[in-house]
Amino acid sequence: VDYEVRSDYISGFFNKLGISHHASLLDLACGTGTMS
């Protein structure tokens, strides 16, 4: 699983929608925390 590609993909939407890189973020069903 290419976690970095998926986190970049999601962050791309955040950037377009005004969610800054310093925003608060909930990782729901975070599992072992790799995406977190």
Full PDB file with SEQRES, HELIX, SHEET, SSBOND, CRYST1, ORIGX, SCALE, CONECT and MASTER records, all heavy atoms in Angstrom:
SEQRES   1 A   36  VAL ASP TYR GLU VAL ARG SER ASP TYR ILE SER GLY PHE          
SEQRES   2 A   36  PHE ASN LYS LEU GLY ILE SER HIS HIS ALA SER LEU LEU          
SEQRES   3 A   36  ASP LEU ALA CYS GLY THR GLY THR MET SER                      
HELIX    1 AA1 TYR A    3  LYS A   16  1                                  14    
CRYST1    1.000    1.000    1.000  90.00  90.00  90.00 P 1           1          
ORIGX1      1.000000  0.000000  0.000000        0.00000                         
ORIGX2      0.000000  1.000000  0.000000        0.00000                         
ORIGX3      0.000000  0.000000  1.000000        0.00000                         
SCALE1      1.000000  0.000000  0.000000        0.00000                         
SCALE2      0.000000  1.000000  0.000000        0.00000                         
SCALE3      0.000000  0.000000  1.000000        0.00000                         
ATOM      1  N   VAL A   1       0.859  -1.191   0.000  1.00  0.00           N  
ATOM      2  CA  VAL A   1       0.000   0.000   0.000  1.00  0.00           C  
ATOM      3  C   VAL A   1       0.891   1.235   0.000  1.00  0.00           C  
ATOM      4  O   VAL A   1       1.693   1.421   0.918  1.00  0.00           O  
ATOM      5  CB  VAL A   1      -0.925   0.018   1.235  1.00  0.00           C  
ATOM      6  CG1 VAL A   1      -1.760   1.298   1.249  1.00  0.00           C  
ATOM      7  CG2 VAL A   1      -1.839  -1.199   1.235  1.00  0.00           C  
ATOM      8  N   ASP A   2       0.747   2.077  -1.006  1.00  0.00           N  
ATOM      9  CA  ASP A   2       1.571   3.284  -1.080  1.00  0.00           C  
ATOM     10  C   ASP A   2       0.915   4.390  -0.264  1.00  0.00           C  
ATOM     11  O   ASP A   2       0.185   5.236  -0.779  1.00  0.00           O  
ATOM     12  CB  ASP A   2       1.742   3.716  -2.541  1.00  0.00           C  
ATOM     13  CG  ASP A   2       2.964   4.613  -2.718  1.00  0.00           C  
ATOM     14  OD1 ASP A   2       3.320   5.301  -1.728  1.00  0.00           O  
ATOM     15  OD2 ASP A   2       3.561   4.615  -3.802  1.00  0.00           O  
ATOM     16  N   TYR A   3       1.190   4.368   1.025  1.00  0.00           N  
ATOM     17  CA  TYR A   3       0.564   5.315   1.946  1.00  0.00           C  
ATOM     18  C   TYR A   3       0.903   6.761   1.595  1.00  0.00           C  
ATOM     19  O   TYR A   3       0.050   7.645   1.708  1.00  0.00           O  
ATOM     20  CB  TYR A   3       1.004   5.015   3.383  1.00  0.00           C  
ATOM     21  CG  TYR A   3       0.401   3.763   3.977  1.00  0.00           C  
ATOM     22  CD1 TYR A   3       1.113   2.569   3.998  1.00  0.00           C  
ATOM     23  CD2 TYR A   3      -0.872   3.775   4.530  1.00  0.00           C  
ATOM     24  CE1 TYR A   3       0.570   1.422   4.561  1.00  0.00           C  
ATOM     25  CE2 TYR A   3      -1.423   2.636   5.097  1.00  0.00           C  
ATOM     26  CZ  TYR A   3      -0.693   1.461   5.112  1.00  0.00           C  
ATOM     27  OH  TYR A   3      -1.235   0.315   5.646  1.00  0.00           O  
ATOM     28  N   GLU A   4       2.143   6.997   1.186  1.00  0.00           N  
ATOM     29  CA  GLU A   4       2.549   8.374   0.888  1.00  0.00           C  
ATOM     30  C   GLU A   4       1.761   8.930  -0.298  1.00  0.00           C  
ATOM     31  O   GLU A   4       1.345  10.091  -0.275  1.00  0.00           O  
ATOM     32  CB  GLU A   4       4.056   8.427   0.620  1.00  0.00           C  
ATOM     33  CG  GLU A   4       4.899   8.190   1.866  1.00  0.00           C  
ATOM     34  CD  GLU A   4       6.359   8.528   1.628  1.00  0.00           C  
ATOM     35  OE1 GLU A   4       6.669   9.145   0.587  1.00  0.00           O  
ATOM     36  OE2 GLU A   4       7.187   8.176   2.491  1.00  0.00           O  
ATOM     37  N   VAL A   5       1.562   8.114  -1.316  1.00  0.00           N  
ATOM     38  CA  VAL A   5       0.779   8.561  -2.468  1.00  0.00           C  
ATOM     39  C   VAL A   5      -0.645   8.893  -2.035  1.00  0.00           C  
ATOM     40  O   VAL A   5      -1.217   9.908  -2.462  1.00  0.00           O  
ATOM     41  CB  VAL A   5       0.773   7.478  -3.569  1.00  0.00           C  
ATOM     42  CG1 VAL A   5      -0.230   7.823  -4.675  1.00  0.00           C  
ATOM     43  CG2 VAL A   5       2.161   7.326  -4.173  1.00  0.00           C  
ATOM     44  N   ARG A   6      -1.220   8.084  -1.178  1.00  0.00           N  
ATOM     45  CA  ARG A   6      -2.593   8.315  -0.733  1.00  0.00           C  
ATOM     46  C   ARG A   6      -2.693   9.559   0.170  1.00  0.00           C  
ATOM     47  O   ARG A   6      -3.646  10.328   0.066  1.00  0.00           O  
ATOM     48  CB  ARG A   6      -3.137   7.078  -0.011  1.00  0.00           C  
ATOM     49  CG  ARG A   6      -3.239   5.889  -0.951  1.00  0.00           C  
ATOM     50  CD  ARG A   6      -4.005   4.710  -0.391  1.00  0.00           C  
ATOM     51  NE  ARG A   6      -4.054   3.653  -1.403  1.00  0.00           N  
ATOM     52  CZ  ARG A   6      -4.925   3.619  -2.404  1.00  0.00           C  
ATOM     53  NH1 ARG A   6      -5.842   4.571  -2.505  1.00  0.00           N  
ATOM     54  NH2 ARG A   6      -4.902   2.637  -3.286  1.00  0.00           N  
ATOM     55  N   SER A   7      -1.718   9.762   1.033  1.00  0.00           N  
ATOM     56  CA  SER A   7      -1.750  10.960   1.867  1.00  0.00           C  
ATOM     57  C   SER A   7      -1.568  12.218   1.021  1.00  0.00           C  
ATOM     58  O   SER A   7      -2.203  13.250   1.284  1.00  0.00           O  
ATOM     59  CB  SER A   7      -0.695  10.883   2.977  1.00  0.00           C  
ATOM     60  OG  SER A   7       0.617  10.890   2.446  1.00  0.00           O  
ATOM     61  N   ASP A   8      -0.719  12.140  -0.007  1.00  0.00           N  
ATOM     62  CA  ASP A   8      -0.544  13.279  -0.924  1.00  0.00           C  
ATOM     63  C   ASP A   8      -1.833  13.555  -1.695  1.00  0.00           C  
ATOM     64  O   ASP A   8      -2.208  14.717  -1.908  1.00  0.00           O  
ATOM     65  CB  ASP A   8       0.590  13.002  -1.911  1.00  0.00           C  
ATOM     66  CG  ASP A   8       1.968  13.050  -1.268  1.00  0.00           C  
ATOM     67  OD1 ASP A   8       2.087  13.584  -0.148  1.00  0.00           O  
ATOM     68  OD2 ASP A   8       2.918  12.541  -1.891  1.00  0.00           O  
ATOM     69  N   TYR A   9      -2.484  12.487  -2.131  1.00  0.00           N  
ATOM     70  CA  TYR A   9      -3.741  12.624  -2.879  1.00  0.00           C  
ATOM     71  C   TYR A   9      -4.797  13.339  -2.031  1.00  0.00           C  
ATOM     72  O   TYR A   9      -5.449  14.289  -2.489  1.00  0.00           O  
ATOM     73  CB  TYR A   9      -4.219  11.235  -3.278  1.00  0.00           C  
ATOM     74  CG  TYR A   9      -5.551  11.182  -3.996  1.00  0.00           C  
ATOM     75  CD1 TYR A   9      -5.690  11.627  -5.303  1.00  0.00           C  
ATOM     76  CD2 TYR A   9      -6.666  10.641  -3.361  1.00  0.00           C  
ATOM     77  CE1 TYR A   9      -6.908  11.551  -5.975  1.00  0.00           C  
ATOM     78  CE2 TYR A   9      -7.889  10.556  -4.012  1.00  0.00           C  
ATOM     79  CZ  TYR A   9      -8.002  11.013  -5.318  1.00  0.00           C  
ATOM     80  OH  TYR A   9      -9.220  10.937  -5.966  1.00  0.00           O  
ATOM     81  N   ILE A  10      -4.953  12.909  -0.794  1.00  0.00           N  
ATOM     82  CA  ILE A  10      -5.938  13.523   0.100  1.00  0.00           C  
ATOM     83  C   ILE A  10      -5.549  14.957   0.423  1.00  0.00           C  
ATOM     84  O   ILE A  10      -6.397  15.867   0.425  1.00  0.00           O  
ATOM     85  CB  ILE A  10      -6.083  12.684   1.383  1.00  0.00           C  
ATOM     86  CG1 ILE A  10      -6.700  11.317   1.040  1.00  0.00           C  
ATOM     87  CG2 ILE A  10      -6.938  13.411   2.413  1.00  0.00           C  
ATOM     88  CD1 ILE A  10      -6.695  10.336   2.186  1.00  0.00           C  
ATOM     89  N   SER A  11      -4.268  15.186   0.682  1.00  0.00           N  
ATOM     90  CA  SER A  11      -3.804  16.546   0.978  1.00  0.00           C  
ATOM     91  C   SER A  11      -4.068  17.489  -0.186  1.00  0.00           C  
ATOM     92  O   SER A  11      -4.305  18.689   0.019  1.00  0.00           O  
ATOM     93  CB  SER A  11      -2.308  16.535   1.311  1.00  0.00           C  
ATOM     94  OG  SER A  11      -2.058  15.858   2.509  1.00  0.00           O  
ATOM     95  N   GLY A  12      -4.019  16.963  -1.406  1.00  0.00           N  
ATOM     96  CA  GLY A  12      -4.317  17.779  -2.577  1.00  0.00           C  
ATOM     97  C   GLY A  12      -5.726  18.351  -2.517  1.00  0.00           C  
ATOM     98  O   GLY A  12      -5.945  19.528  -2.859  1.00  0.00           O  
ATOM     99  N   PHE A  13      -6.668  17.552  -2.082  1.00  0.00           N  
ATOM    100  CA  PHE A  13      -8.036  18.042  -1.911  1.00  0.00           C  
ATOM    101  C   PHE A  13      -8.099  19.087  -0.799  1.00  0.00           C  
ATOM    102  O   PHE A  13      -8.776  20.116  -0.933  1.00  0.00           O  
ATOM    103  CB  PHE A  13      -8.985  16.890  -1.599  1.00  0.00           C  
ATOM    104  CG  PHE A  13      -9.290  16.005  -2.772  1.00  0.00           C  
ATOM    105  CD1 PHE A  13      -8.855  14.694  -2.789  1.00  0.00           C  
ATOM    106  CD2 PHE A  13     -10.007  16.483  -3.861  1.00  0.00           C  
ATOM    107  CE1 PHE A  13      -9.133  13.863  -3.867  1.00  0.00           C  
ATOM    108  CE2 PHE A  13     -10.294  15.667  -4.946  1.00  0.00           C  
ATOM    109  CZ  PHE A  13      -9.855  14.354  -4.950  1.00  0.00           C  
ATOM    110  N   PHE A  14      -7.394  18.820   0.302  1.00  0.00           N  
ATOM    111  CA  PHE A  14      -7.377  19.790   1.396  1.00  0.00           C  
ATOM    112  C   PHE A  14      -6.858  21.145   0.915  1.00  0.00           C  
ATOM    113  O   PHE A  14      -7.419  22.193   1.252  1.00  0.00           O  
ATOM    114  CB  PHE A  14      -6.510  19.280   2.553  1.00  0.00           C  
ATOM    115  CG  PHE A  14      -7.131  18.151   3.337  1.00  0.00           C  
ATOM    116  CD1 PHE A  14      -6.334  17.251   4.032  1.00  0.00           C  
ATOM    117  CD2 PHE A  14      -8.503  17.994   3.397  1.00  0.00           C  
ATOM    118  CE1 PHE A  14      -6.883  16.218   4.768  1.00  0.00           C  
ATOM    119  CE2 PHE A  14      -9.076  16.966   4.131  1.00  0.00           C  
ATOM    120  CZ  PHE A  14      -8.259  16.070   4.821  1.00  0.00           C  
ATOM    121  N   ASN A  15      -5.796  21.129   0.156  1.00  0.00           N  
ATOM    122  CA  ASN A  15      -5.220  22.377  -0.354  1.00  0.00           C  
ATOM    123  C   ASN A  15      -6.226  23.151  -1.197  1.00  0.00           C  
ATOM    124  O   ASN A  15      -6.358  24.370  -1.081  1.00  0.00           O  
ATOM    125  CB  ASN A  15      -3.963  22.085  -1.183  1.00  0.00           C  
ATOM    126  CG  ASN A  15      -2.820  21.539  -0.339  1.00  0.00           C  
ATOM    127  OD1 ASN A  15      -2.782  21.737   0.871  1.00  0.00           O  
ATOM    128  ND2 ASN A  15      -1.905  20.834  -0.982  1.00  0.00           N  
ATOM    129  N   LYS A  16      -6.938  22.438  -2.060  1.00  0.00           N  
ATOM    130  CA  LYS A  16      -7.924  23.078  -2.928  1.00  0.00           C  
ATOM    131  C   LYS A  16      -9.111  23.628  -2.137  1.00  0.00           C  
ATOM    132  O   LYS A  16      -9.740  24.601  -2.543  1.00  0.00           O  
ATOM    133  CB  LYS A  16      -8.423  22.087  -3.975  1.00  0.00           C  
ATOM    134  CG  LYS A  16      -7.372  21.660  -4.981  1.00  0.00           C  
ATOM    135  CD  LYS A  16      -7.930  20.612  -5.935  1.00  0.00           C  
ATOM    136  CE  LYS A  16      -6.859  20.109  -6.902  1.00  0.00           C  
ATOM    137  NZ  LYS A  16      -7.383  19.032  -7.791  1.00  0.00           N  
ATOM    138  N   LEU A  17      -9.406  22.995  -1.000  1.00  0.00           N  
ATOM    139  CA  LEU A  17     -10.602  23.345  -0.233  1.00  0.00           C  
ATOM    140  C   LEU A  17     -10.302  24.222   0.973  1.00  0.00           C  
ATOM    141  O   LEU A  17     -11.162  24.430   1.828  1.00  0.00           O  
ATOM    142  CB  LEU A  17     -11.314  22.058   0.212  1.00  0.00           C  
ATOM    143  CG  LEU A  17     -11.834  21.195  -0.951  1.00  0.00           C  
ATOM    144  CD1 LEU A  17     -12.306  19.831  -0.440  1.00  0.00           C  
ATOM    145  CD2 LEU A  17     -12.974  21.909  -1.669  1.00  0.00           C  
ATOM    146  N   GLY A  18      -9.085  24.742   1.048  1.00  0.00           N  
ATOM    147  CA  GLY A  18      -8.757  25.711   2.088  1.00  0.00           C  
ATOM    148  C   GLY A  18      -8.399  25.133   3.437  1.00  0.00           C  
ATOM    149  O   GLY A  18      -8.415  25.848   4.447  1.00  0.00           O  
ATOM    150  N   ILE A  19      -8.064  23.841   3.475  1.00  0.00           N  
ATOM    151  CA  ILE A  19      -7.611  23.221   4.726  1.00  0.00           C  
ATOM    152  C   ILE A  19      -6.088  23.292   4.749  1.00  0.00           C  
ATOM    153  O   ILE A  19      -5.407  22.602   3.983  1.00  0.00           O  
ATOM    154  CB  ILE A  19      -8.082  21.761   4.834  1.00  0.00           C  
ATOM    155  CG1 ILE A  19      -9.609  21.673   4.744  1.00  0.00           C  
ATOM    156  CG2 ILE A  19      -7.581  21.130   6.126  1.00  0.00           C  
ATOM    157  CD1 ILE A  19     -10.350  22.357   5.855  1.00  0.00           C  
ATOM    158  N   SER A  20      -5.546  24.130   5.612  1.00  0.00           N  
ATOM    159  CA  SER A  20      -4.095  24.357   5.627  1.00  0.00           C  
ATOM    160  C   SER A  20      -3.361  23.184   6.263  1.00  0.00           C  
ATOM    161  O   SER A  20      -3.951  22.333   6.929  1.00  0.00           O  
ATOM    162  CB  SER A  20      -3.782  25.635   6.403  1.00  0.00           C  
ATOM    163  OG  SER A  20      -3.926  25.410   7.799  1.00  0.00           O  
ATOM    164  N   HIS A  21      -2.051  23.163   6.080  1.00  0.00           N  
ATOM    165  CA  HIS A  21      -1.221  22.102   6.643  1.00  0.00           C  
ATOM    166  C   HIS A  21      -1.082  22.213   8.162  1.00  0.00           C  
ATOM    167  O   HIS A  21      -0.470  21.332   8.779  1.00  0.00           O  
ATOM    168  CB  HIS A  21       0.165  22.104   5.988  1.00  0.00           C  
ATOM    169  CG  HIS A  21       0.174  21.434   4.654  1.00  0.00           C  
ATOM    170  ND1 HIS A  21       1.330  21.152   3.968  1.00  0.00           N  
ATOM    171  CD2 HIS A  21      -0.831  20.990   3.865  1.00  0.00           C  
ATOM    172  CE1 HIS A  21       1.034  20.565   2.818  1.00  0.00           C  
ATOM    173  NE2 HIS A  21      -0.260  20.461   2.730  1.00  0.00           N  
ATOM    174  N   HIS A  22      -1.614  23.264   8.734  1.00  0.00           N  
ATOM    175  CA  HIS A  22      -1.589  23.395  10.196  1.00  0.00           C  
ATOM    176  C   HIS A  22      -2.968  23.162  10.801  1.00  0.00           C  
ATOM    177  O   HIS A  22      -3.178  23.406  11.985  1.00  0.00           O  
ATOM    178  CB  HIS A  22      -1.071  24.782  10.584  1.00  0.00           C  
ATOM    179  CG  HIS A  22       0.324  25.054  10.103  1.00  0.00           C  
ATOM    180  ND1 HIS A  22       1.426  24.409  10.621  1.00  0.00           N  
ATOM    181  CD2 HIS A  22       0.795  25.882   9.140  1.00  0.00           C  
ATOM    182  CE1 HIS A  22       2.515  24.831  10.004  1.00  0.00           C  
ATOM    183  NE2 HIS A  22       2.168  25.725   9.102  1.00  0.00           N  
ATOM    184  N   ALA A  23      -3.877  22.647   9.982  1.00  0.00           N  
ATOM    185  CA  ALA A  23      -5.244  22.415  10.443  1.00  0.00           C  
ATOM    186  C   ALA A  23      -5.300  21.199  11.371  1.00  0.00           C  
ATOM    187  O   ALA A  23      -4.401  20.350  11.388  1.00  0.00           O  
ATOM    188  CB  ALA A  23      -6.158  22.192   9.246  1.00  0.00           C  
ATOM    189  N   SER A  24      -6.377  21.125  12.142  1.00  0.00           N  
ATOM    190  CA  SER A  24      -6.613  19.951  12.986  1.00  0.00           C  
ATOM    191  C   SER A  24      -7.294  18.868  12.163  1.00  0.00           C  
ATOM    192  O   SER A  24      -8.184  19.137  11.353  1.00  0.00           O  
ATOM    193  CB  SER A  24      -7.481  20.333  14.189  1.00  0.00           C  
ATOM    194  OG  SER A  24      -8.663  21.004  13.778  1.00  0.00           O  
ATOM    195  N   LEU A  25      -6.853  17.619  12.350  1.00  0.00           N  
ATOM    196  CA  LEU A  25      -7.290  16.518  11.494  1.00  0.00           C  
ATOM    197  C   LEU A  25      -7.568  15.275  12.324  1.00  0.00           C  
ATOM    198  O   LEU A  25      -6.735  14.855  13.134  1.00  0.00           O  
ATOM    199  CB  LEU A  25      -6.201  16.216  10.457  1.00  0.00           C  
ATOM    200  CG  LEU A  25      -6.416  14.998   9.562  1.00  0.00           C  
ATOM    201  CD1 LEU A  25      -7.606  15.204   8.636  1.00  0.00           C  
ATOM    202  CD2 LEU A  25      -5.156  14.699   8.750  1.00  0.00           C  
ATOM    203  N   LEU A  26      -8.736  14.691  12.112  1.00  0.00           N  
ATOM    204  CA  LEU A  26      -9.082  13.420  12.736  1.00  0.00           C  
ATOM    205  C   LEU A  26      -8.842  12.292  11.747  1.00  0.00           C  
ATOM    206  O   LEU A  26      -9.386  12.307  10.631  1.00  0.00           O  
ATOM    207  CB  LEU A  26     -10.550  13.424  13.170  1.00  0.00           C  
ATOM    208  CG  LEU A  26     -11.126  12.072  13.618  1.00  0.00           C  
ATOM    209  CD1 LEU A  26     -10.395  11.546  14.848  1.00  0.00           C  
ATOM    210  CD2 LEU A  26     -12.626  12.176  13.877  1.00  0.00           C  
ATOM    211  N   ASP A  27      -8.027  11.323  12.137  1.00  0.00           N  
ATOM    212  CA  ASP A  27      -7.826  10.105  11.346  1.00  0.00           C  
ATOM    213  C   ASP A  27      -8.709   9.032  11.979  1.00  0.00           C  
ATOM    214  O   ASP A  27      -8.355   8.417  12.986  1.00  0.00           O  
ATOM    215  CB  ASP A  27      -6.358   9.700  11.360  1.00  0.00           C  
ATOM    216  CG  ASP A  27      -6.072   8.499  10.454  1.00  0.00           C  
ATOM    217  OD1 ASP A  27      -7.000   8.052   9.761  1.00  0.00           O  
ATOM    218  OD2 ASP A  27      -4.920   8.026  10.455  1.00  0.00           O  
ATOM    219  N   LEU A  28      -9.879   8.821  11.390  1.00  0.00           N  
ATOM    220  CA  LEU A  28     -10.869   7.905  11.935  1.00  0.00           C  
ATOM    221  C   LEU A  28     -10.586   6.490  11.462  1.00  0.00           C  
ATOM    222  O   LEU A  28     -10.343   6.260  10.283  1.00  0.00           O  
ATOM    223  CB  LEU A  28     -12.269   8.348  11.488  1.00  0.00           C  
ATOM    224  CG  LEU A  28     -13.456   7.563  12.031  1.00  0.00           C  
ATOM    225  CD1 LEU A  28     -13.515   7.626  13.548  1.00  0.00           C  
ATOM    226  CD2 LEU A  28     -14.754   8.090  11.428  1.00  0.00           C  
ATOM    227  N   ALA A  29     -10.638   5.521  12.399  1.00  0.00           N  
ATOM    228  CA  ALA A  29     -10.237   4.139  12.119  1.00  0.00           C  
ATOM    229  C   ALA A  29      -8.787   4.134  11.645  1.00  0.00           C  
ATOM    230  O   ALA A  29      -8.450   3.624  10.581  1.00  0.00           O  
ATOM    231  CB  ALA A  29     -11.169   3.493  11.100  1.00  0.00           C  
ATOM    232  N   CYS A  30      -7.923   4.691  12.472  1.00  0.00           N  
ATOM    233  CA  CYS A  30      -6.530   4.967  12.092  1.00  0.00           C  
ATOM    234  C   CYS A  30      -5.660   3.727  12.046  1.00  0.00           C  
ATOM    235  O   CYS A  30      -4.533   3.786  11.543  1.00  0.00           O  
ATOM    236  CB  CYS A  30      -5.924   5.979  13.065  1.00  0.00           C  
ATOM    237  SG  CYS A  30      -5.858   5.398  14.784  1.00  0.00           S  
ATOM    238  N   GLY A  31      -6.119   2.594  12.575  1.00  0.00           N  
ATOM    239  CA  GLY A  31      -5.320   1.377  12.538  1.00  0.00           C  
ATOM    240  C   GLY A  31      -3.992   1.540  13.245  1.00  0.00           C  
ATOM    241  O   GLY A  31      -3.930   2.043  14.376  1.00  0.00           O  
ATOM    242  N   THR A  32      -2.910   1.155  12.586  1.00  0.00           N  
ATOM    243  CA  THR A  32      -1.582   1.237  13.200  1.00  0.00           C  
ATOM    244  C   THR A  32      -0.942   2.617  13.047  1.00  0.00           C  
ATOM    245  O   THR A  32       0.233   2.787  13.349  1.00  0.00           O  
ATOM    246  CB  THR A  32      -0.637   0.177  12.611  1.00  0.00           C  
ATOM    247  OG1 THR A  32      -0.530   0.384  11.189  1.00  0.00           O  
ATOM    248  CG2 THR A  32      -1.160  -1.230  12.877  1.00  0.00           C  
ATOM    249  N   GLY A  33      -1.709   3.579  12.563  1.00  0.00           N  
ATOM    250  CA  GLY A  33      -1.266   4.968  12.598  1.00  0.00           C  
ATOM    251  C   GLY A  33      -0.342   5.418  11.487  1.00  0.00           C  
ATOM    252  O   GLY A  33       0.209   6.522  11.559  1.00  0.00           O  
ATOM    253  N   THR A  34      -0.172   4.629  10.437  1.00  0.00           N  
ATOM    254  CA  THR A  34       0.740   5.022   9.359  1.00  0.00           C  
ATOM    255  C   THR A  34       0.278   6.311   8.686  1.00  0.00           C  
ATOM    256  O   THR A  34       1.074   7.240   8.480  1.00  0.00           O  
ATOM    257  CB  THR A  34       0.870   3.905   8.315  1.00  0.00           C  
ATOM    258  OG1 THR A  34       1.375   2.721   8.954  1.00  0.00           O  
ATOM    259  CG2 THR A  34       1.815   4.314   7.199  1.00  0.00           C  
ATOM    260  N   MET A  35      -1.011   6.388   8.338  1.00  0.00           N  
ATOM    261  CA  MET A  35      -1.530   7.606   7.719  1.00  0.00           C  
ATOM    262  C   MET A  35      -1.484   8.769   8.699  1.00  0.00           C  
ATOM    263  O   MET A  35      -1.186   9.906   8.316  1.00  0.00           O  
ATOM    264  CB  MET A  35      -2.953   7.378   7.213  1.00  0.00           C  
ATOM    265  CG  MET A  35      -3.055   6.417   6.045  1.00  0.00           C  
ATOM    266  SD  MET A  35      -2.307   7.041   4.519  1.00  0.00           S  
ATOM    267  CE  MET A  35      -3.597   8.133   3.942  1.00  0.00           C  
ATOM    268  N   SER A  36      -1.773   8.503   9.956  1.00  0.00           N  
ATOM    269  CA  SER A  36      -1.720   9.561  10.971  1.00  0.00           C  
ATOM    270  C   SER A  36      -0.343  10.209  11.002  1.00  0.00           C  
ATOM    271  O   SER A  36      -0.214  11.444  11.047  1.00  0.00           O  
ATOM    272  CB  SER A  36      -2.042   8.983  12.355  1.00  0.00           C  
ATOM    273  OG  SER A  36      -3.304   8.382  12.404  1.00  0.00           O  
TER     274      SER A  36                                                      
MASTER        0    0    0    1    0    0    0    6  273    1    0    3          
END                                                                             
